[in-house]
Amino acid sequence: MKLTTKDRDFLEALKRLFDEKQMLIDLKEDGVKRMVLRQNYGDKIAQRFGVSRQGVRWRFQRLFSEMYVEAYERIWWVESYFGAELRHHAIAIAKQRIELRQKAQKLGTFVIPRRQTKE
């Protein structure tokens, strides 16, 4: 599952609200643990995001439960078979991809570098 522009905008708005101490994320457990938004979570917040309260709730759950938590589940699954030895390789690859994506965005192009063959 990939992040969209709307996801990025949502995360930026959420970060601003965190910085302003208008919202926080809490762990709720009612049989199953999950993350929930707390504090001034009402119409004012929905207006800030430009969607309904249900839309804010849906995007939060999609990003934090489906994407963020599931990413750690996948990491745990791989590391349960291979150990944590591959983690530094994965982090290096992810950092390089992020840097390439940021560079491409600044240039306005999305060129994907190809592997060079050995001669």
PDB file of N, CA and C in Angstrom:
ATOM      1  N   MET A   1       0.854  -1.166   0.000  1.00  0.00           N
ATOM      2  CA  MET A   1       0.000   0.000   0.000  1.00  0.00           C
ATOM      3  C   MET A   1       0.906   1.236   0.000  1.00  0.00           C
ATOM      4  N   LYS A   2       0.615   2.153  -0.886  1.00  0.00           N
ATOM      5  CA  LYS A   2       1.462   3.335  -1.022  1.00  0.00           C
ATOM      6  C   LYS A   2       0.791   4.554  -0.427  1.00  0.00           C
ATOM      7  N   LEU A   3       1.624   5.501   0.010  1.00  0.00           N
ATOM      8  CA  LEU A   3       1.113   6.775   0.508  1.00  0.00           C
ATOM      9  C   LEU A   3       0.721   7.661  -0.666  1.00  0.00           C
ATOM     10  N   THR A   4      -0.399   8.338  -0.528  1.00  0.00           N
ATOM     11  CA  THR A   4      -0.865   9.258  -1.555  1.00  0.00           C
ATOM     12  C   THR A   4      -0.556  10.691  -1.138  1.00  0.00           C
ATOM     13  N   THR A   5      -0.808  11.617  -2.033  1.00  0.00           N
ATOM     14  CA  THR A   5      -0.643  13.034  -1.718  1.00  0.00           C
ATOM     15  C   THR A   5      -1.600  13.433  -0.598  1.00  0.00           C
ATOM     16  N   LYS A   6      -2.810  12.892  -0.624  1.00  0.00           N
ATOM     17  CA  LYS A   6      -3.777  13.186   0.437  1.00  0.00           C
ATOM     18  C   LYS A   6      -3.281  12.662   1.781  1.00  0.00           C
ATOM     19  N   ASP A   7      -2.624  11.508   1.769  1.00  0.00           N
ATOM     20  CA  ASP A   7      -2.055  10.960   3.000  1.00  0.00           C
ATOM     21  C   ASP A   7      -0.983  11.898   3.544  1.00  0.00           C
ATOM     22  N   ARG A   8      -0.098  12.361   2.664  1.00  0.00           N
ATOM     23  CA  ARG A   8       0.961  13.285   3.082  1.00  0.00           C
ATOM     24  C   ARG A   8       0.375  14.564   3.657  1.00  0.00           C
ATOM     25  N   ASP A   9      -0.622  15.129   2.980  1.00  0.00           N
ATOM     26  CA  ASP A   9      -1.269  16.352   3.473  1.00  0.00           C
ATOM     27  C   ASP A   9      -1.912  16.119   4.833  1.00  0.00           C
ATOM     28  N   PHE A  10      -2.535  14.960   5.000  1.00  0.00           N
ATOM     29  CA  PHE A  10      -3.164  14.612   6.273  1.00  0.00           C
ATOM     30  C   PHE A  10      -2.119  14.540   7.385  1.00  0.00           C
ATOM     31  N   LEU A  11      -1.000  13.862   7.113  1.00  0.00           N
ATOM     32  CA  LEU A  11       0.060  13.731   8.117  1.00  0.00           C
ATOM     33  C   LEU A  11       0.656  15.090   8.481  1.00  0.00           C
ATOM     34  N   GLU A  12       0.810  15.967   7.495  1.00  0.00           N
ATOM     35  CA  GLU A  12       1.336  17.304   7.780  1.00  0.00           C
ATOM     36  C   GLU A  12       0.373  18.095   8.656  1.00  0.00           C
ATOM     37  N   ALA A  13      -0.933  18.007   8.364  1.00  0.00           N
ATOM     38  CA  ALA A  13      -1.939  18.705   9.181  1.00  0.00           C
ATOM     39  C   ALA A  13      -1.971  18.118  10.588  1.00  0.00           C
ATOM     40  N   LEU A  14      -1.882  16.803  10.690  1.00  0.00           N
ATOM     41  CA  LEU A  14      -1.885  16.139  11.990  1.00  0.00           C
ATOM     42  C   LEU A  14      -0.658  16.557  12.804  1.00  0.00           C
ATOM     43  N   LYS A  15       0.479  16.653  12.164  1.00  0.00           N
ATOM     44  CA  LYS A  15       1.714  17.074  12.843  1.00  0.00           C
ATOM     45  C   LYS A  15       1.577  18.486  13.399  1.00  0.00           C
ATOM     46  N   ARG A  16       0.980  19.384  12.603  1.00  0.00           N
ATOM     47  CA  ARG A  16       0.772  20.758  13.081  1.00  0.00           C
ATOM     48  C   ARG A  16      -0.121  20.761  14.319  1.00  0.00           C
ATOM     49  N   LEU A  17      -1.169  19.951  14.316  1.00  0.00           N
ATOM     50  CA  LEU A  17      -2.068  19.875  15.472  1.00  0.00           C
ATOM     51  C   LEU A  17      -1.344  19.293  16.689  1.00  0.00           C
ATOM     52  N   PHE A  18      -0.455  18.332  16.476  1.00  0.00           N
ATOM     53  CA  PHE A  18       0.340  17.786  17.578  1.00  0.00           C
ATOM     54  C   PHE A  18       1.244  18.866  18.149  1.00  0.00           C
ATOM     55  N   ASP A  19       1.897  19.611  17.267  1.00  0.00           N
ATOM     56  CA  ASP A  19       2.804  20.667  17.707  1.00  0.00           C
ATOM     57  C   ASP A  19       2.060  21.749  18.493  1.00  0.00           C
ATOM     58  N   GLU A  20       0.811  22.005  18.117  1.00  0.00           N
ATOM     59  CA  GLU A  20      -0.017  23.001  18.801  1.00  0.00           C
ATOM     60  C   GLU A  20      -0.704  22.419  20.040  1.00  0.00           C
ATOM     61  N   LYS A  21      -0.450  21.142  20.338  1.00  0.00           N
ATOM     62  CA  LYS A  21      -1.041  20.446  21.495  1.00  0.00           C
ATOM     63  C   LYS A  21      -2.575  20.389  21.422  1.00  0.00           C
ATOM     64  N   GLN A  22      -3.121  20.354  20.203  1.00  0.00           N
ATOM     65  CA  GLN A  22      -4.563  20.262  20.036  1.00  0.00           C
ATOM     66  C   GLN A  22      -5.029  18.828  19.833  1.00  0.00           C
ATOM     67  N   MET A  23      -4.082  17.911  19.646  1.00  0.00           N
ATOM     68  CA  MET A  23      -4.440  16.528  19.400  1.00  0.00           C
ATOM     69  C   MET A  23      -3.321  15.618  19.861  1.00  0.00           C
ATOM     70  N   LEU A  24      -3.663  14.413  20.247  1.00  0.00           N
ATOM     71  CA  LEU A  24      -2.663  13.411  20.590  1.00  0.00           C
ATOM     72  C   LEU A  24      -3.164  12.043  20.189  1.00  0.00           C
ATOM     73  N   ILE A  25      -2.238  11.101  20.120  1.00  0.00           N
ATOM     74  CA  ILE A  25      -2.571   9.716  19.797  1.00  0.00           C
ATOM     75  C   ILE A  25      -2.434   8.911  21.068  1.00  0.00           C
ATOM     76  N   ASP A  26      -3.444   8.102  21.336  1.00  0.00           N
ATOM     77  CA  ASP A  26      -3.477   7.303  22.555  1.00  0.00           C
ATOM     78  C   ASP A  26      -3.650   5.841  22.178  1.00  0.00           C
ATOM     79  N   LEU A  27      -3.217   4.942  23.044  1.00  0.00           N
ATOM     80  CA  LEU A  27      -3.419   3.510  22.852  1.00  0.00           C
ATOM     81  C   LEU A  27      -4.674   3.111  23.597  1.00  0.00           C
ATOM     82  N   LYS A  28      -5.619   2.527  22.883  1.00  0.00           N
ATOM     83  CA  LYS A  28      -6.871   2.089  23.492  1.00  0.00           C
ATOM     84  C   LYS A  28      -6.912   0.569  23.440  1.00  0.00           C
ATOM     85  N   GLU A  29      -7.381  -0.015  24.528  1.00  0.00           N
ATOM     86  CA  GLU A  29      -7.488  -1.475  24.573  1.00  0.00           C
ATOM     87  C   GLU A  29      -8.856  -1.855  25.104  1.00  0.00           C
ATOM     88  N   ASP A  30      -9.659  -2.429  24.235  1.00  0.00           N
ATOM     89  CA  ASP A  30     -10.952  -2.971  24.635  1.00  0.00           C
ATOM     90  C   ASP A  30     -11.072  -4.369  24.042  1.00  0.00           C
ATOM     91  N   GLY A  31     -10.115  -5.195  24.406  1.00  0.00           N
ATOM     92  CA  GLY A  31     -10.003  -6.534  23.853  1.00  0.00           C
ATOM     93  C   GLY A  31      -8.899  -6.598  22.805  1.00  0.00           C
ATOM     94  N   VAL A  32      -8.839  -5.572  21.973  1.00  0.00           N
ATOM     95  CA  VAL A  32      -7.813  -5.463  20.943  1.00  0.00           C
ATOM     96  C   VAL A  32      -7.192  -4.070  21.042  1.00  0.00           C
ATOM     97  N   LYS A  33      -5.869  -4.003  21.038  1.00  0.00           N
ATOM     98  CA  LYS A  33      -5.192  -2.706  21.129  1.00  0.00           C
ATOM     99  C   LYS A  33      -5.287  -1.985  19.795  1.00  0.00           C
ATOM    100  N   ARG A  34      -5.445  -0.658  19.883  1.00  0.00           N
ATOM    101  CA  ARG A  34      -5.440   0.166  18.684  1.00  0.00           C
ATOM    102  C   ARG A  34      -5.104   1.599  19.058  1.00  0.00           C
ATOM    103  N   MET A  35      -4.659   2.362  18.078  1.00  0.00           N
ATOM    104  CA  MET A  35      -4.355   3.768  18.293  1.00  0.00           C
ATOM    105  C   MET A  35      -5.590   4.598  17.952  1.00  0.00           C
ATOM    106  N   VAL A  36      -5.836   5.619  18.772  1.00  0.00           N
ATOM    107  CA  VAL A  36      -6.976   6.505  18.554  1.00  0.00           C
ATOM    108  C   VAL A  36      -6.540   7.958  18.725  1.00  0.00           C
ATOM    109  N   LEU A  37      -7.265   8.850  18.060  1.00  0.00           N
ATOM    110  CA  LEU A  37      -7.026  10.282  18.220  1.00  0.00           C
ATOM    111  C   LEU A  37      -7.734  10.760  19.473  1.00  0.00           C
ATOM    112  N   ARG A  38      -7.108  11.655  20.201  1.00  0.00           N
ATOM    113  CA  ARG A  38      -7.684  12.202  21.434  1.00  0.00           C
ATOM    114  C   ARG A  38      -7.601  13.718  21.439  1.00  0.00           C
ATOM    115  N   GLN A  39      -8.351  14.317  22.301  1.00  0.00           N
ATOM    116  CA  GLN A  39      -8.385  15.717  22.652  1.00  0.00           C
ATOM    117  C   GLN A  39      -9.475  16.422  21.861  1.00  0.00           C
ATOM    118  N   ASN A  40      -9.183  17.519  21.205  1.00  0.00           N
ATOM    119  CA  ASN A  40     -10.204  18.318  20.524  1.00  0.00           C
ATOM    120  C   ASN A  40     -10.593  17.688  19.197  1.00  0.00           C
ATOM    121  N   TYR A  41     -11.121  16.496  19.270  1.00  0.00           N
ATOM    122  CA  TYR A  41     -11.450  15.753  18.060  1.00  0.00           C
ATOM    123  C   TYR A  41     -12.923  15.981  17.741  1.00  0.00           C
ATOM    124  N   GLY A  42     -13.215  17.091  17.112  1.00  0.00           N
ATOM    125  CA  GLY A  42     -14.594  17.424  16.796  1.00  0.00           C
ATOM    126  C   GLY A  42     -14.706  18.138  15.475  1.00  0.00           C
ATOM    127  N   ASP A  43     -15.746  18.941  15.331  1.00  0.00           N
ATOM    128  CA  ASP A  43     -15.999  19.633  14.071  1.00  0.00           C
ATOM    129  C   ASP A  43     -14.855  20.563  13.684  1.00  0.00           C
ATOM    130  N   LYS A  44     -14.244  21.212  14.680  1.00  0.00           N
ATOM    131  CA  LYS A  44     -13.126  22.117  14.400  1.00  0.00           C
ATOM    132  C   LYS A  44     -11.984  21.371  13.714  1.00  0.00           C
ATOM    133  N   ILE A  45     -11.695  20.164  14.182  1.00  0.00           N
ATOM    134  CA  ILE A  45     -10.628  19.353  13.605  1.00  0.00           C
ATOM    135  C   ILE A  45     -11.011  18.927  12.197  1.00  0.00           C
ATOM    136  N   ALA A  46     -12.254  18.516  11.998  1.00  0.00           N
ATOM    137  CA  ALA A  46     -12.711  18.110  10.669  1.00  0.00           C
ATOM    138  C   ALA A  46     -12.582  19.262   9.681  1.00  0.00           C
ATOM    139  N   GLN A  47     -12.885  20.481  10.125  1.00  0.00           N
ATOM    140  CA  GLN A  47     -12.736  21.649   9.255  1.00  0.00           C
ATOM    141  C   GLN A  47     -11.270  21.868   8.909  1.00  0.00           C
ATOM    142  N   ARG A  48     -10.395  21.659   9.854  1.00  0.00           N
ATOM    143  CA  ARG A  48      -8.952  21.854   9.632  1.00  0.00           C
ATOM    144  C   ARG A  48      -8.429  20.896   8.563  1.00  0.00           C
ATOM    145  N   PHE A  49      -8.974  19.679   8.546  1.00  0.00           N
ATOM    146  CA  PHE A  49      -8.548  18.688   7.563  1.00  0.00           C
ATOM    147  C   PHE A  49      -9.312  18.810   6.243  1.00  0.00           C
ATOM    148  N   GLY A  50     -10.444  19.486   6.263  1.00  0.00           N
ATOM    149  CA  GLY A  50     -11.228  19.648   5.047  1.00  0.00           C
ATOM    150  C   GLY A  50     -12.076  18.445   4.696  1.00  0.00           C
ATOM    151  N   VAL A  51     -12.304  17.562   5.668  1.00  0.00           N
ATOM    152  CA  VAL A  51     -13.162  16.385   5.470  1.00  0.00           C
ATOM    153  C   VAL A  51     -14.021  16.208   6.713  1.00  0.00           C
ATOM    154  N   SER A  52     -14.950  15.269   6.648  1.00  0.00           N
ATOM    155  CA  SER A  52     -15.814  15.011   7.800  1.00  0.00           C
ATOM    156  C   SER A  52     -15.026  14.346   8.926  1.00  0.00           C
ATOM    157  N   ARG A  53     -15.616  14.311  10.106  1.00  0.00           N
ATOM    158  CA  ARG A  53     -14.970  13.620  11.239  1.00  0.00           C
ATOM    159  C   ARG A  53     -14.730  12.160  10.896  1.00  0.00           C
ATOM    160  N   GLN A  54     -15.694  11.547  10.209  1.00  0.00           N
ATOM    161  CA  GLN A  54     -15.534  10.152   9.803  1.00  0.00           C
ATOM    162  C   GLN A  54     -14.362  10.006   8.824  1.00  0.00           C
ATOM    163  N   GLY A  55     -14.175  10.998   7.941  1.00  0.00           N
ATOM    164  CA  GLY A  55     -13.049  10.974   7.009  1.00  0.00           C
ATOM    165  C   GLY A  55     -11.713  11.066   7.724  1.00  0.00           C
ATOM    166  N   VAL A  56     -11.656  11.915   8.756  1.00  0.00           N
ATOM    167  CA  VAL A  56     -10.435  12.029   9.565  1.00  0.00           C
ATOM    168  C   VAL A  56     -10.162  10.694  10.249  1.00  0.00           C
ATOM    169  N   ARG A  57     -11.193  10.109  10.840  1.00  0.00           N
ATOM    170  CA  ARG A  57     -11.056   8.823  11.535  1.00  0.00           C
ATOM    171  C   ARG A  57     -10.606   7.725  10.564  1.00  0.00           C
ATOM    172  N   TRP A  58     -11.216   7.699   9.375  1.00  0.00           N
ATOM    173  CA  TRP A  58     -10.880   6.669   8.386  1.00  0.00           C
ATOM    174  C   TRP A  58      -9.427   6.792   7.948  1.00  0.00           C
ATOM    175  N   ARG A  59      -8.981   8.002   7.597  1.00  0.00           N
ATOM    176  CA  ARG A  59      -7.606   8.176   7.117  1.00  0.00           C
ATOM    177  C   ARG A  59      -6.606   7.867   8.230  1.00  0.00           C
ATOM    178  N   PHE A  60      -6.911   8.274   9.461  1.00  0.00           N
ATOM    179  CA  PHE A  60      -6.030   7.975  10.591  1.00  0.00           C
ATOM    180  C   PHE A  60      -5.885   6.462  10.748  1.00  0.00           C
ATOM    181  N   GLN A  61      -6.999   5.735  10.746  1.00  0.00           N
ATOM    182  CA  GLN A  61      -6.938   4.281  10.906  1.00  0.00           C
ATOM    183  C   GLN A  61      -6.193   3.618   9.748  1.00  0.00           C
ATOM    184  N   ARG A  62      -6.406   4.116   8.538  1.00  0.00           N
ATOM    185  CA  ARG A  62      -5.723   3.564   7.368  1.00  0.00           C
ATOM    186  C   ARG A  62      -4.217   3.744   7.493  1.00  0.00           C
ATOM    187  N   LEU A  63      -3.784   4.947   7.873  1.00  0.00           N
ATOM    188  CA  LEU A  63      -2.356   5.228   7.941  1.00  0.00           C
ATOM    189  C   LEU A  63      -1.690   4.571   9.135  1.00  0.00           C
ATOM    190  N   PHE A  64      -2.321   4.656  10.301  1.00  0.00           N
ATOM    191  CA  PHE A  64      -1.653   4.194  11.513  1.00  0.00           C
ATOM    192  C   PHE A  64      -1.904   2.728  11.813  1.00  0.00           C
ATOM    193  N   SER A  65      -3.072   2.199  11.523  1.00  0.00           N
ATOM    194  CA  SER A  65      -3.327   0.786  11.800  1.00  0.00           C
ATOM    195  C   SER A  65      -2.969  -0.081  10.609  1.00  0.00           C
ATOM    196  N   GLU A  66      -3.468   0.288   9.451  1.00  0.00           N
ATOM    197  CA  GLU A  66      -3.232  -0.558   8.291  1.00  0.00           C
ATOM    198  C   GLU A  66      -1.805  -0.462   7.782  1.00  0.00           C
ATOM    199  N   MET A  67      -1.279   0.734   7.658  1.00  0.00           N
ATOM    200  CA  MET A  67       0.044   0.868   7.050  1.00  0.00           C
ATOM    201  C   MET A  67       1.183   0.789   8.067  1.00  0.00           C
ATOM    202  N   TYR A  68       1.123   1.600   9.103  1.00  0.00           N
ATOM    203  CA  TYR A  68       2.226   1.704  10.059  1.00  0.00           C
ATOM    204  C   TYR A  68       2.381   0.417  10.871  1.00  0.00           C
ATOM    205  N   VAL A  69       1.318  -0.036  11.483  1.00  0.00           N
ATOM    206  CA  VAL A  69       1.393  -1.247  12.312  1.00  0.00           C
ATOM    207  C   VAL A  69       1.663  -2.476  11.442  1.00  0.00           C
ATOM    208  N   GLU A  70       1.018  -2.566  10.285  1.00  0.00           N
ATOM    209  CA  GLU A  70       1.252  -3.717   9.413  1.00  0.00           C
ATOM    210  C   GLU A  70       2.684  -3.766   8.902  1.00  0.00           C
ATOM    211  N   ALA A  71       3.318  -2.607   8.727  1.00  0.00           N
ATOM    212  CA  ALA A  71       4.727  -2.594   8.319  1.00  0.00           C
ATOM    213  C   ALA A  71       5.585  -3.282   9.387  1.00  0.00           C
ATOM    214  N   TYR A  72       5.300  -2.984  10.649  1.00  0.00           N
ATOM    215  CA  TYR A  72       6.043  -3.650  11.730  1.00  0.00           C
ATOM    216  C   TYR A  72       5.705  -5.133  11.815  1.00  0.00           C
ATOM    217  N   GLU A  73       4.484  -5.522  11.501  1.00  0.00           N
ATOM    218  CA  GLU A  73       4.140  -6.943  11.471  1.00  0.00           C
ATOM    219  C   GLU A  73       4.956  -7.667  10.407  1.00  0.00           C
ATOM    220  N   ARG A  74       5.094  -7.048   9.250  1.00  0.00           N
ATOM    221  CA  ARG A  74       5.876  -7.659   8.165  1.00  0.00           C
ATOM    222  C   ARG A  74       7.349  -7.751   8.547  1.00  0.00           C
ATOM    223  N   ILE A  75       7.860  -6.688   9.168  1.00  0.00           N
ATOM    224  CA  ILE A  75       9.256  -6.712   9.613  1.00  0.00           C
ATOM    225  C   ILE A  75       9.457  -7.831  10.626  1.00  0.00           C
ATOM    226  N   TRP A  76       8.558  -7.960  11.587  1.00  0.00           N
ATOM    227  CA  TRP A  76       8.660  -9.024  12.582  1.00  0.00           C
ATOM    228  C   TRP A  76       8.640 -10.390  11.908  1.00  0.00           C
ATOM    229  N   TRP A  77       7.763 -10.555  10.921  1.00  0.00           N
ATOM    230  CA  TRP A  77       7.644 -11.833  10.237  1.00  0.00           C
ATOM    231  C   TRP A  77       8.951 -12.199   9.533  1.00  0.00           C
ATOM    232  N   VAL A  78       9.532 -11.258   8.782  1.00  0.00           N
ATOM    233  CA  VAL A  78      10.785 -11.513   8.072  1.00  0.00           C
ATOM    234  C   VAL A  78      11.899 -11.781   9.074  1.00  0.00           C
ATOM    235  N   GLU A  79      11.980 -10.962  10.124  1.00  0.00           N
ATOM    236  CA  GLU A  79      13.066 -11.125  11.089  1.00  0.00           C
ATOM    237  C   GLU A  79      12.905 -12.381  11.936  1.00  0.00           C
ATOM    238  N   SER A  80      11.697 -12.904  12.057  1.00  0.00           N
ATOM    239  CA  SER A  80      11.535 -14.162  12.786  1.00  0.00           C
ATOM    240  C   SER A  80      12.166 -15.323  12.022  1.00  0.00           C
ATOM    241  N   TYR A  81      12.300 -15.185  10.707  1.00  0.00           N
ATOM    242  CA  TYR A  81      12.955 -16.208   9.900  1.00  0.00           C
ATOM    243  C   TYR A  81      14.445 -15.944   9.720  1.00  0.00           C
ATOM    244  N   PHE A  82      14.822 -14.698   9.481  1.00  0.00           N
ATOM    245  CA  PHE A  82      16.197 -14.375   9.109  1.00  0.00           C
ATOM    246  C   PHE A  82      16.970 -13.615  10.173  1.00  0.00           C
ATOM    247  N   GLY A  83      16.322 -13.222  11.267  1.00  0.00           N
ATOM    248  CA  GLY A  83      16.985 -12.422  12.277  1.00  0.00           C
ATOM    249  C   GLY A  83      17.045 -10.968  11.842  1.00  0.00           C
ATOM    250  N   ALA A  84      17.668 -10.139  12.650  1.00  0.00           N
ATOM    251  CA  ALA A  84      17.723  -8.699  12.379  1.00  0.00           C
ATOM    252  C   ALA A  84      18.945  -8.310  11.554  1.00  0.00           C
ATOM    253  N   GLU A  85      19.690  -9.284  11.062  1.00  0.00           N
ATOM    254  CA  GLU A  85      20.921  -8.984  10.329  1.00  0.00           C
ATOM    255  C   GLU A  85      20.657  -8.207   9.041  1.00  0.00           C
ATOM    256  N   LEU A  86      19.508  -8.401   8.430  1.00  0.00           N
ATOM    257  CA  LEU A  86      19.209  -7.736   7.161  1.00  0.00           C
ATOM    258  C   LEU A  86      18.651  -6.325   7.350  1.00  0.00           C
ATOM    259  N   ARG A  87      18.353  -5.943   8.573  1.00  0.00           N
ATOM    260  CA  ARG A  87      17.720  -4.656   8.838  1.00  0.00           C
ATOM    261  C   ARG A  87      18.553  -3.484   8.330  1.00  0.00           C
ATOM    262  N   HIS A  88      19.863  -3.509   8.575  1.00  0.00           N
ATOM    263  CA  HIS A  88      20.687  -2.381   8.132  1.00  0.00           C
ATOM    264  C   HIS A  88      20.707  -2.261   6.613  1.00  0.00           C
ATOM    265  N   HIS A  89      20.616  -3.386   5.892  1.00  0.00           N
ATOM    266  CA  HIS A  89      20.520  -3.329   4.427  1.00  0.00           C
ATOM    267  C   HIS A  89      19.206  -2.671   4.003  1.00  0.00           C
ATOM    268  N   ALA A  90      18.123  -3.088   4.646  1.00  0.00           N
ATOM    269  CA  ALA A  90      16.804  -2.545   4.309  1.00  0.00           C
ATOM    270  C   ALA A  90      16.732  -1.047   4.586  1.00  0.00           C
ATOM    271  N   ILE A  91      17.298  -0.614   5.691  1.00  0.00           N
ATOM    272  CA  ILE A  91      17.283   0.815   6.037  1.00  0.00           C
ATOM    273  C   ILE A  91      18.119   1.607   5.028  1.00  0.00           C
ATOM    274  N   ALA A  92      19.263   1.084   4.627  1.00  0.00           N
ATOM    275  CA  ALA A  92      20.103   1.774   3.644  1.00  0.00           C
ATOM    276  C   ALA A  92      19.375   1.905   2.304  1.00  0.00           C
ATOM    277  N   ILE A  93      18.701   0.851   1.887  1.00  0.00           N
ATOM    278  CA  ILE A  93      17.946   0.889   0.628  1.00  0.00           C
ATOM    279  C   ILE A  93      16.804   1.894   0.729  1.00  0.00           C
ATOM    280  N   ALA A  94      16.084   1.878   1.845  1.00  0.00           N
ATOM    281  CA  ALA A  94      14.959   2.811   2.031  1.00  0.00           C
ATOM    282  C   ALA A  94      15.446   4.256   2.014  1.00  0.00           C
ATOM    283  N   LYS A  95      16.548   4.539   2.693  1.00  0.00           N
ATOM    284  CA  LYS A  95      17.092   5.905   2.700  1.00  0.00           C
ATOM    285  C   LYS A  95      17.470   6.347   1.299  1.00  0.00           C
ATOM    286  N   GLN A  96      18.086   5.453   0.537  1.00  0.00           N
ATOM    287  CA  GLN A  96      18.473   5.801  -0.831  1.00  0.00           C
ATOM    288  C   GLN A  96      17.242   6.089  -1.683  1.00  0.00           C
ATOM    289  N   ARG A  97      16.206   5.281  -1.549  1.00  0.00           N
ATOM    290  CA  ARG A  97      14.974   5.495  -2.320  1.00  0.00           C
ATOM    291  C   ARG A  97      14.330   6.834  -1.969  1.00  0.00           C
ATOM    292  N   ILE A  98      14.335   7.169  -0.690  1.00  0.00           N
ATOM    293  CA  ILE A  98      13.760   8.448  -0.255  1.00  0.00           C
ATOM    294  C   ILE A  98      14.560   9.605  -0.840  1.00  0.00           C
ATOM    295  N   GLU A  99      15.885   9.504  -0.776  1.00  0.00           N
ATOM    296  CA  GLU A  99      16.743  10.560  -1.325  1.00  0.00           C
ATOM    297  C   GLU A  99      16.525  10.717  -2.827  1.00  0.00           C
ATOM    298  N   LEU A 100      16.440   9.598  -3.549  1.00  0.00           N
ATOM    299  CA  LEU A 100      16.210   9.659  -4.989  1.00  0.00           C
ATOM    300  C   LEU A 100      14.849  10.277  -5.312  1.00  0.00           C
ATOM    301  N   ARG A 101      13.850   9.908  -4.538  1.00  0.00           N
ATOM    302  CA  ARG A 101      12.505  10.455  -4.747  1.00  0.00           C
ATOM    303  C   ARG A 101      12.488  11.960  -4.490  1.00  0.00           C
ATOM    304  N   GLN A 102      13.155  12.402  -3.424  1.00  0.00           N
ATOM    305  CA  GLN A 102      13.213  13.833  -3.115  1.00  0.00           C
ATOM    306  C   GLN A 102      13.974  14.600  -4.182  1.00  0.00           C
ATOM    307  N   LYS A 103      15.059  14.016  -4.663  1.00  0.00           N
ATOM    308  CA  LYS A 103      15.843  14.659  -5.717  1.00  0.00           C
ATOM    309  C   LYS A 103      15.012  14.766  -6.998  1.00  0.00           C
ATOM    310  N   ALA A 104      14.291  13.718  -7.342  1.00  0.00           N
ATOM    311  CA  ALA A 104      13.451  13.728  -8.538  1.00  0.00           C
ATOM    312  C   ALA A 104      12.335  14.755  -8.422  1.00  0.00           C
ATOM    313  N   GLN A 105      11.773  14.903  -7.242  1.00  0.00           N
ATOM    314  CA  GLN A 105      10.717  15.889  -7.048  1.00  0.00           C
ATOM    315  C   GLN A 105      11.243  17.302  -7.214  1.00  0.00           C
ATOM    316  N   LYS A 106      12.445  17.560  -6.734  1.00  0.00           N
ATOM    317  CA  LYS A 106      13.043  18.886  -6.895  1.00  0.00           C
ATOM    318  C   LYS A 106      13.326  19.192  -8.364  1.00  0.00           C
ATOM    319  N   LEU A 107      13.755  18.178  -9.097  1.00  0.00           N
ATOM    320  CA  LEU A 107      14.068  18.370 -10.506  1.00  0.00           C
ATOM    321  C   LEU A 107      12.818  18.328 -11.383  1.00  0.00           C
ATOM    322  N   GLY A 108      11.740  17.780 -10.854  1.00  0.00           N
ATOM    323  CA  GLY A 108      10.508  17.665 -11.622  1.00  0.00           C
ATOM    324  C   GLY A 108      10.489  16.457 -12.536  1.00  0.00           C
ATOM    325  N   THR A 109      11.427  15.536 -12.331  1.00  0.00           N
ATOM    326  CA  THR A 109      11.465  14.314 -13.131  1.00  0.00           C
ATOM    327  C   THR A 109      11.421  13.113 -12.202  1.00  0.00           C
ATOM    328  N   PHE A 110      11.006  12.019 -12.739  1.00  0.00           N
ATOM    329  CA  PHE A 110      10.929  10.795 -11.954  1.00  0.00           C
ATOM    330  C   PHE A 110      11.689   9.691 -12.675  1.00  0.00           C
ATOM    331  N   VAL A 111      12.985   9.876 -12.832  1.00  0.00           N
ATOM    332  CA  VAL A 111      13.833   8.900 -13.492  1.00  0.00           C
ATOM    333  C   VAL A 111      14.249   7.858 -12.459  1.00  0.00           C
ATOM    334  N   ILE A 112      14.034   6.618 -12.801  1.00  0.00           N
ATOM    335  CA  ILE A 112      14.413   5.527 -11.902  1.00  0.00           C
ATOM    336  C   ILE A 112      15.737   4.964 -12.391  1.00  0.00           C
ATOM    337  N   PRO A 113      16.777   5.050 -11.581  1.00  0.00           N
ATOM    338  CA  PRO A 113      18.073   4.532 -12.023  1.00  0.00           C
ATOM    339  C   PRO A 113      18.038   3.018 -12.169  1.00  0.00           C
ATOM    340  N   ARG A 114      18.674   2.530 -13.205  1.00  0.00           N
ATOM    341  CA  ARG A 114      18.746   1.094 -13.463  1.00  0.00           C
ATOM    342  C   ARG A 114      20.055   0.534 -12.924  1.00  0.00           C
ATOM    343  N   ARG A 115      20.034  -0.744 -12.639  1.00  0.00           N
ATOM    344  CA  ARG A 115      21.265  -1.401 -12.221  1.00  0.00           C
ATOM    345  C   ARG A 115      22.247  -1.421 -13.371  1.00  0.00           C
ATOM    346  N   GLN A 116      23.485  -1.238 -13.045  1.00  0.00           N
ATOM    347  CA  GLN A 116      24.503  -1.302 -14.071  1.00  0.00           C
ATOM    348  C   GLN A 116      24.987  -2.745 -14.160  1.00  0.00           C
ATOM    349  N   THR A 117      25.111  -3.224 -15.388  1.00  0.00           N
ATOM    350  CA  THR A 117      25.584  -4.587 -15.562  1.00  0.00           C
ATOM    351  C   THR A 117      27.092  -4.623 -15.498  1.00  0.00           C
ATOM    352  N   LYS A 118      27.607  -5.732 -14.993  1.00  0.00           N
ATOM    353  CA  LYS A 118      29.053  -5.901 -14.920  1.00  0.00           C
ATOM    354  C   LYS A 118      29.569  -6.293 -16.300  1.00  0.00           C
ATOM    355  N   GLU A 119      30.671  -5.702 -16.674  1.00  0.00           N
ATOM    356  CA  GLU A 119      31.274  -6.045 -17.977  1.00  0.00           C
ATOM    357  C   GLU A 119      32.586  -6.717 -17.814  1.00  0.00           C
TER     358      GLU A 119
END
